Protein backbone atom coordinates (compact mmCIF):
# COMPACT_ATOMS: atom_id res chain seq x y z
CA MET A 1 -0.16 -0.26 0.13
CA ILE A 2 1.50 3.57 -0.87
CA HIS A 3 1.39 6.06 1.78
CA MET A 4 1.99 9.56 1.62
CA PRO A 5 5.08 11.40 3.24
CA LYS A 6 3.43 13.26 6.54
CA SER A 7 5.22 16.28 5.95
CA TYR A 8 4.05 16.51 2.19
CA SER A 9 0.87 18.36 1.36
CA ILE A 10 -1.13 16.09 -2.09
CA PRO A 11 0.11 18.03 -4.73
CA SER A 12 -2.07 18.56 -8.01
CA ALA A 13 -1.14 16.76 -11.47
CA ILE A 14 -1.85 18.15 -15.20
CA VAL A 15 -2.36 15.90 -17.86
CA LEU A 16 -1.05 17.50 -20.96
CA ALA A 17 -2.80 15.78 -23.76
CA ALA A 18 -3.65 18.79 -26.29
CA GLY A 19 -1.36 17.55 -29.23
CA GLU A 20 -3.16 16.18 -32.74
CA GLY A 21 -0.37 13.44 -32.60
CA SER A 22 0.06 14.09 -36.16
CA ARG A 23 2.62 12.18 -37.01
CA ILE A 24 0.20 9.10 -35.84
CA GLY A 25 -2.67 10.10 -37.34
CA LYS A 26 -4.17 10.85 -33.93
CA PRO A 27 -4.36 12.38 -30.73
CA LYS A 28 -1.74 10.14 -28.47
CA ALA A 29 -4.33 10.58 -25.60
CA ILE A 30 -6.67 7.70 -27.28
CA LEU A 31 -4.11 5.63 -28.27
CA GLU A 32 -4.17 1.86 -26.99
CA ILE A 33 -2.46 -0.33 -25.06
CA ASN A 34 -3.16 -3.62 -23.49
CA GLY A 35 -6.96 -2.39 -24.07
CA ARG A 36 -6.52 1.27 -22.00
CA PHE A 37 -6.71 4.27 -23.66
CA PHE A 38 -3.09 6.48 -22.83
CA ILE A 39 -5.13 8.96 -20.99
CA GLU A 40 -6.66 6.38 -18.41
CA ARG A 41 -3.68 4.98 -17.93
CA VAL A 42 -1.61 8.13 -16.79
CA ILE A 43 -4.82 8.99 -14.82
CA ASP A 44 -5.08 5.58 -13.08
CA THR A 45 -1.29 6.15 -12.16
CA LEU A 46 -1.99 9.51 -10.78
CA ILE A 47 -4.39 7.88 -8.62
CA LEU A 48 -2.56 5.21 -7.40
CA ALA A 49 -0.05 7.50 -6.13
CA GLY A 50 -2.54 9.60 -3.98
CA ILE A 51 -3.22 12.33 -6.11
CA ASP A 52 -6.95 13.17 -7.17
CA ASN A 53 -6.79 16.25 -8.05
CA ILE A 54 -6.17 15.83 -11.54
CA THR A 55 -6.40 18.83 -14.67
CA VAL A 56 -6.41 17.41 -18.10
CA VAL A 57 -5.88 19.75 -21.04
CA LEU A 58 -7.20 18.53 -23.98
CA GLY A 59 -7.07 20.39 -27.46
CA ALA A 60 -7.13 18.50 -30.75
CA GLU A 61 -9.99 16.75 -30.94
CA ALA A 62 -11.77 17.17 -27.57
CA ASP A 63 -14.84 16.09 -27.95
CA LYS A 64 -14.01 12.71 -29.66
CA ILE A 65 -11.95 12.22 -26.59
CA LYS A 66 -14.35 13.11 -23.88
CA SER A 67 -16.99 10.90 -25.78
CA MET A 68 -14.56 8.02 -25.95
CA THR A 69 -13.25 7.77 -22.39
CA ASP A 70 -14.48 8.57 -18.93
CA LEU A 71 -13.26 11.66 -17.57
CA SER A 72 -15.81 12.41 -14.97
CA ILE A 73 -13.04 11.88 -12.41
CA VAL A 74 -10.89 14.62 -13.41
CA ASN A 75 -11.19 18.28 -14.36
CA THR A 76 -11.29 19.07 -17.80
CA VAL A 77 -9.76 22.01 -19.44
CA ILE A 78 -9.80 22.98 -23.21
CA ASN A 79 -6.75 24.64 -24.93
CA GLU A 80 -8.13 26.40 -27.81
CA ASN A 81 -4.39 27.39 -28.42
CA TYR A 82 -2.81 23.78 -28.38
CA THR A 83 -1.36 24.30 -31.63
CA ASN A 84 1.13 26.89 -30.17
CA GLY A 85 2.60 24.01 -28.28
CA GLN A 86 3.06 21.97 -24.82
CA PHE A 87 3.66 24.89 -22.70
CA SER A 88 0.51 26.75 -24.07
CA SER A 89 -1.39 23.58 -22.74
CA LEU A 90 0.69 23.54 -19.16
CA GLN A 91 -0.43 27.47 -18.80
CA ALA A 92 -3.88 26.88 -19.85
CA GLY A 93 -4.22 24.14 -17.21
CA LEU A 94 -2.54 26.37 -14.37
CA SER A 95 -4.80 29.04 -15.32
CA ASN A 96 -7.93 26.52 -14.55
CA LEU A 97 -6.61 25.07 -11.33
CA LYS A 98 -8.01 24.55 -8.47
CA ALA A 99 -5.45 24.60 -5.85
CA GLU A 100 -2.36 26.00 -4.96
CA GLY A 101 1.23 24.21 -4.14
CA ASP A 102 3.08 21.69 -5.78
CA LEU A 103 2.50 20.28 -9.05
CA ILE A 104 3.07 17.07 -10.98
CA VAL A 105 3.03 17.52 -15.33
CA PHE A 106 3.03 14.20 -16.83
CA PRO A 107 2.51 14.35 -20.74
CA VAL A 108 0.25 11.98 -22.24
CA ASP A 109 2.24 10.24 -24.26
CA HIS A 110 4.33 8.37 -21.33
CA PRO A 111 1.76 5.71 -20.64
CA LEU A 112 3.76 3.26 -18.61
CA VAL A 113 5.58 4.94 -15.55
CA GLU A 114 4.74 3.36 -12.64
CA PRO A 115 2.73 4.83 -9.56
CA ASP A 116 6.33 4.43 -7.59
CA THR A 117 7.85 6.54 -9.76
CA VAL A 118 5.24 9.59 -9.14
CA MET A 119 5.83 8.62 -5.03
CA GLN A 120 9.62 9.07 -5.42
CA LEU A 121 9.23 12.47 -7.08
CA LEU A 122 6.53 13.61 -4.38
CA ASP A 123 8.98 12.18 -1.63
CA SER A 124 12.24 13.64 -3.40
CA ALA A 125 10.76 17.03 -3.40
CA THR A 126 10.54 18.25 -0.01
CA GLU A 127 14.17 18.13 0.50
CA PRO A 128 16.60 20.04 0.72
CA SER A 129 14.43 22.96 0.99
CA ASN A 130 16.00 25.09 -1.86
CA THR A 131 14.28 22.43 -4.64
CA LYS A 132 12.36 23.92 -6.92
CA ALA A 133 11.85 20.72 -9.40
CA VAL A 134 12.64 17.38 -9.12
CA VAL A 135 13.54 15.41 -12.43
CA PRO A 136 13.22 11.56 -12.93
CA VAL A 137 16.57 10.17 -14.53
CA PHE A 138 17.05 6.26 -15.73
CA ASN A 139 20.29 5.14 -17.17
CA GLY A 140 21.62 8.81 -17.07
CA LYS A 141 18.50 10.03 -19.08
CA LYS A 142 16.26 12.77 -17.95
CA GLY A 143 12.32 12.05 -18.50
CA HIS A 144 8.84 12.66 -17.77
CA PRO A 145 7.19 13.46 -15.57
CA VAL A 146 8.09 16.22 -13.33
CA LEU A 147 7.21 18.10 -10.32
CA LEU A 148 7.32 21.39 -9.87
CA THR A 149 7.34 23.09 -6.72
CA LYS A 150 5.07 25.96 -5.56
CA SER A 151 7.19 28.56 -6.19
CA MET A 152 8.65 27.13 -9.64
CA VAL A 153 4.90 26.96 -10.75
CA ARG A 154 4.69 30.49 -10.35
CA LYS A 155 7.58 31.29 -12.33
CA VAL A 156 5.46 28.94 -14.97
CA GLN A 157 2.65 31.03 -14.69
CA LYS A 158 4.90 34.35 -14.85
CA ALA A 159 6.77 33.14 -18.27
CA ALA A 160 7.29 35.69 -21.34
CA ASN A 161 5.86 34.47 -24.90
CA GLY A 162 8.10 32.08 -26.02
CA GLU A 163 9.49 30.61 -23.32
CA THR A 164 9.39 26.76 -22.72
CA LEU A 165 9.33 24.86 -19.35
CA ARG A 166 12.80 23.58 -19.81
CA ASP A 167 14.10 27.16 -20.75
CA ILE A 168 12.59 27.90 -17.02
CA LEU A 169 13.32 24.62 -15.16
CA TRP A 170 17.28 25.05 -16.83
CA ASN A 171 17.84 28.65 -16.02
CA HIS A 172 18.00 27.35 -12.01
CA PRO A 173 19.84 24.63 -12.82
CA SER A 174 20.87 24.11 -8.82
CA ALA A 175 17.13 24.15 -7.91
CA VAL A 176 16.62 20.99 -10.39
CA LYS A 177 16.48 17.80 -8.38
CA GLN A 178 17.03 14.80 -10.24
CA ILE A 179 16.73 11.67 -8.81
CA GLY A 180 17.29 8.19 -10.25
CA VAL A 181 14.61 5.76 -10.76
CA ASP A 182 14.33 2.21 -12.10
CA ASP A 183 11.77 2.67 -14.52
CA PRO A 184 12.21 2.88 -18.12
CA GLY A 185 8.76 4.25 -18.70
CA ILE A 186 10.07 8.01 -18.03
CA LEU A 187 11.77 7.89 -21.18
CA GLN A 188 9.01 6.31 -23.60
CA ASN A 189 7.81 9.11 -25.52
CA ILE A 190 5.79 8.47 -28.40
CA ASP A 191 5.95 10.49 -31.31
CA THR A 192 6.09 8.19 -34.20
CA VAL A 193 4.17 4.93 -35.37
CA GLU A 194 7.52 3.35 -34.68
CA ASP A 195 7.51 4.61 -31.36
CA TYR A 196 4.00 3.00 -30.61
CA GLN A 197 4.45 0.26 -32.33
CA GLY A 198 7.77 -0.32 -30.18
CA LEU A 199 5.63 0.04 -26.96
CA ILE A 200 3.16 -1.83 -27.88
CA LEU A 201 5.47 -4.88 -28.20
CA LYS A 202 7.35 -4.16 -24.91
CA ALA A 203 4.62 -4.06 -23.49
CA SER A 204 3.31 -7.45 -24.51
CA GLU A 205 6.77 -8.84 -23.03
CA ASN A 206 5.99 -7.47 -19.76
């Protein structure tokens, strides 16, 4: 059974699921793996990690995604400007966030991330005190999701046009904590049909 750290307030999560998935032919939110849509798997992962304040940001084919999936237990936000990129979706989600505090930012194209990985991010955000973000690392490579502390969330909300989350994080590298995780799912973003086919194969072997 997973327990939240006693000293840690339960954060919110924003799931970024607004993209067209143009190189795959459909939004990544409704790609399937082992009978579950990506968006459903990501929501399940967050809930198993103890997070129930979840905002899903939709954009391309939002009505289709809502008709195919059950999003009744999450908050949904439509990013009308989703073609401006993922950072615009993050800001759309933040503008509608119903709580203040630390935040898990979870791209929908990482459906194999384990709940324990999210828990490690939560645990690691409490120390040291100057930590502003926590990034998971597998085999020396940084991945997703990431955790932003409350102060970093404010920096994202105030970001200038043209900035990205990567820009903001690595403008303050000493405040970004990198933690090693035993979870290759943090690296498995899906951008092409070949990526998706490889993911299906990997999932069938586990």
